[in-house]
């Protein structure tokens, strides 16, 4: 006869790893699609409504091209397509690794707290990036037109 697990016993490792592995799969599937279907070829993805309406690159413009470049090992191209996306992907990778390690070792998942000052700093960074990439001095930060 098997006994029920005690309340203090950690769940089995596969059950603990299930949430981070599910999140990884949720990111890996669309990433694999973007790796195969080149965003630099017209007609595969919709145009950015902000770019269409204003003629300005939005903070997300070039992110699909950035993902495509990263999946092909082209860090320089990815930075050219969307430097902020590369920074964001790096931060998300570190957070995911910490989450996976915590799940593997049975520790608590990492807590991310973003206060009002950090949100203001992030908004300012995105605003400055948007303005600079749309100015002549930041032309190297704008993705190529397709």
Protein backbone atom coordinates (compact mmCIF):
# COMPACT_ATOMS: atom_id res chain seq x y z
CA UNK A 1 0.00 0.00 0.00
CA UNK A 2 1.41 3.38 -0.95
CA UNK A 3 1.20 6.28 1.38
CA UNK A 4 0.06 9.73 0.31
CA UNK A 5 2.81 12.31 -0.07
CA UNK A 6 3.26 14.54 2.92
CA UNK A 7 2.48 18.23 2.69
CA UNK A 8 6.12 19.18 3.19
CA UNK A 9 7.47 16.94 0.42
CA UNK A 10 8.29 18.86 -2.77
CA UNK A 11 6.43 17.81 -5.90
CA UNK A 12 8.28 15.55 -8.32
CA UNK A 13 10.81 17.32 -10.49
CA UNK A 14 8.84 16.88 -13.72
CA UNK A 15 5.77 18.47 -12.20
CA UNK A 16 7.88 21.37 -10.90
CA UNK A 17 9.50 21.80 -14.34
CA UNK A 18 6.17 21.69 -16.17
CA UNK A 19 5.39 25.46 -16.02
CA UNK A 20 8.81 26.67 -17.25
CA UNK A 21 8.93 23.97 -19.95
CA UNK A 22 5.40 24.86 -21.08
CA UNK A 23 6.43 28.52 -21.31
CA UNK A 24 9.51 27.49 -23.30
CA UNK A 25 7.38 25.52 -25.74
CA UNK A 26 4.95 28.44 -26.07
CA UNK A 27 7.88 30.64 -27.13
CA UNK A 28 9.76 28.01 -29.16
CA UNK A 29 6.92 27.17 -31.55
CA UNK A 30 6.35 30.70 -32.92
CA UNK A 31 10.11 31.33 -32.85
CA UNK A 32 10.65 28.26 -35.02
CA UNK A 33 8.03 29.54 -37.43
CA UNK A 34 9.75 32.94 -37.69
CA UNK A 35 13.08 31.15 -38.14
CA UNK A 36 11.69 29.31 -41.18
CA UNK A 37 9.40 32.00 -42.68
CA UNK A 38 11.66 34.99 -43.36
CA UNK A 39 10.11 38.33 -42.32
CA UNK A 40 12.44 40.05 -44.79
CA UNK A 41 10.40 38.54 -47.64
CA UNK A 42 7.28 40.64 -48.32
CA UNK A 43 3.84 39.14 -47.94
CA UNK A 44 4.34 36.75 -45.03
CA UNK A 45 3.48 39.06 -42.14
CA UNK A 46 1.14 42.05 -41.80
CA UNK A 47 2.50 45.58 -41.91
CA UNK A 48 2.88 47.53 -38.68
CA UNK A 49 -0.20 49.74 -38.27
CA UNK A 50 1.84 52.43 -36.46
CA UNK A 51 4.39 52.54 -39.30
CA UNK A 52 1.62 52.60 -41.89
CA UNK A 53 -0.24 55.42 -40.12
CA UNK A 54 2.71 57.61 -39.13
CA UNK A 55 5.69 56.60 -41.25
CA UNK A 56 7.65 56.12 -38.01
CA UNK A 57 9.16 52.86 -36.78
CA UNK A 58 7.38 51.81 -33.59
CA UNK A 59 9.40 50.27 -30.71
CA UNK A 60 8.40 46.80 -31.93
CA UNK A 61 9.15 47.32 -35.63
CA UNK A 62 11.82 44.90 -36.73
CA UNK A 63 11.26 42.48 -33.83
CA UNK A 64 10.29 39.61 -36.13
CA UNK A 65 13.37 40.28 -38.26
CA UNK A 66 15.37 40.42 -35.03
CA UNK A 67 14.06 36.99 -33.98
CA UNK A 68 14.80 35.63 -37.46
CA UNK A 69 18.36 37.00 -37.32
CA UNK A 70 18.93 35.59 -33.81
CA UNK A 71 17.72 32.14 -34.83
CA UNK A 72 20.29 32.22 -37.63
CA UNK A 73 23.10 33.37 -35.31
CA UNK A 74 23.26 36.93 -36.68
CA UNK A 75 23.56 39.09 -33.55
CA UNK A 76 24.67 42.17 -35.51
CA UNK A 77 21.66 41.93 -37.80
CA UNK A 78 19.37 41.38 -34.81
CA UNK A 79 20.74 44.48 -33.07
CA UNK A 80 20.24 46.49 -36.26
CA UNK A 81 16.66 45.25 -36.63
CA UNK A 82 15.60 45.97 -33.03
CA UNK A 83 18.19 46.54 -30.29
CA UNK A 84 15.55 46.88 -27.56
CA UNK A 85 14.07 43.49 -28.51
CA UNK A 86 17.53 41.89 -28.18
CA UNK A 87 17.85 43.44 -24.71
CA UNK A 88 14.36 42.24 -23.77
CA UNK A 89 15.05 38.70 -25.05
CA UNK A 90 18.24 38.60 -22.98
CA UNK A 91 16.40 39.67 -19.82
CA UNK A 92 13.63 37.14 -20.47
CA UNK A 93 16.20 34.38 -21.02
CA UNK A 94 17.85 35.12 -17.66
CA UNK A 95 14.47 35.19 -15.89
CA UNK A 96 13.49 31.89 -17.54
CA UNK A 97 16.80 30.27 -16.56
CA UNK A 98 16.32 31.39 -12.95
CA UNK A 99 12.76 30.06 -13.02
CA UNK A 100 13.90 26.74 -14.48
CA UNK A 101 16.71 26.41 -11.92
CA UNK A 102 14.31 27.15 -9.07
CA UNK A 103 11.90 24.52 -10.41
CA UNK A 104 14.69 21.98 -10.83
CA UNK A 105 16.10 22.51 -7.33
CA UNK A 106 12.73 22.93 -5.60
CA UNK A 107 13.37 26.53 -4.66
CA UNK A 108 10.89 29.36 -4.86
CA UNK A 109 10.34 30.87 -8.32
CA UNK A 110 11.99 34.26 -8.87
CA UNK A 111 9.86 37.25 -8.04
CA UNK A 112 10.00 40.19 -10.37
CA UNK A 113 8.82 43.46 -8.99
CA UNK A 114 8.74 46.52 -11.17
CA UNK A 115 7.86 49.65 -9.25
CA UNK A 116 6.60 52.93 -10.61
CA UNK A 117 10.12 54.34 -11.07
CA UNK A 118 11.25 51.34 -13.11
CA UNK A 119 8.11 51.49 -15.27
CA UNK A 120 8.81 55.18 -15.87
CA UNK A 121 12.42 54.36 -16.78
CA UNK A 122 11.31 51.59 -19.15
CA UNK A 123 8.77 53.92 -20.79
CA UNK A 124 11.45 56.61 -21.16
CA UNK A 125 13.89 54.09 -22.68
CA UNK A 126 11.26 52.95 -25.20
CA UNK A 127 10.34 56.55 -26.05
CA UNK A 128 13.98 57.58 -26.54
CA UNK A 129 14.64 54.46 -28.64
CA UNK A 130 11.61 55.25 -30.82
CA UNK A 131 12.63 58.87 -31.37
CA UNK A 132 16.31 58.08 -31.99
CA UNK A 133 15.65 55.24 -34.47
CA UNK A 134 13.40 57.60 -36.44
CA UNK A 135 15.97 60.41 -36.57
CA UNK A 136 18.88 60.67 -39.00
CA UNK A 137 21.40 60.03 -36.21
CA UNK A 138 19.74 56.69 -35.32
CA UNK A 139 19.17 55.40 -38.85
CA UNK A 140 21.34 52.37 -37.99
CA UNK A 141 18.71 51.33 -35.42
CA UNK A 142 15.91 51.19 -37.97
CA UNK A 143 15.15 47.92 -39.76
CA UNK A 144 15.35 47.91 -43.54
CA UNK A 145 12.18 48.61 -45.49
CA UNK A 146 10.65 45.55 -47.11
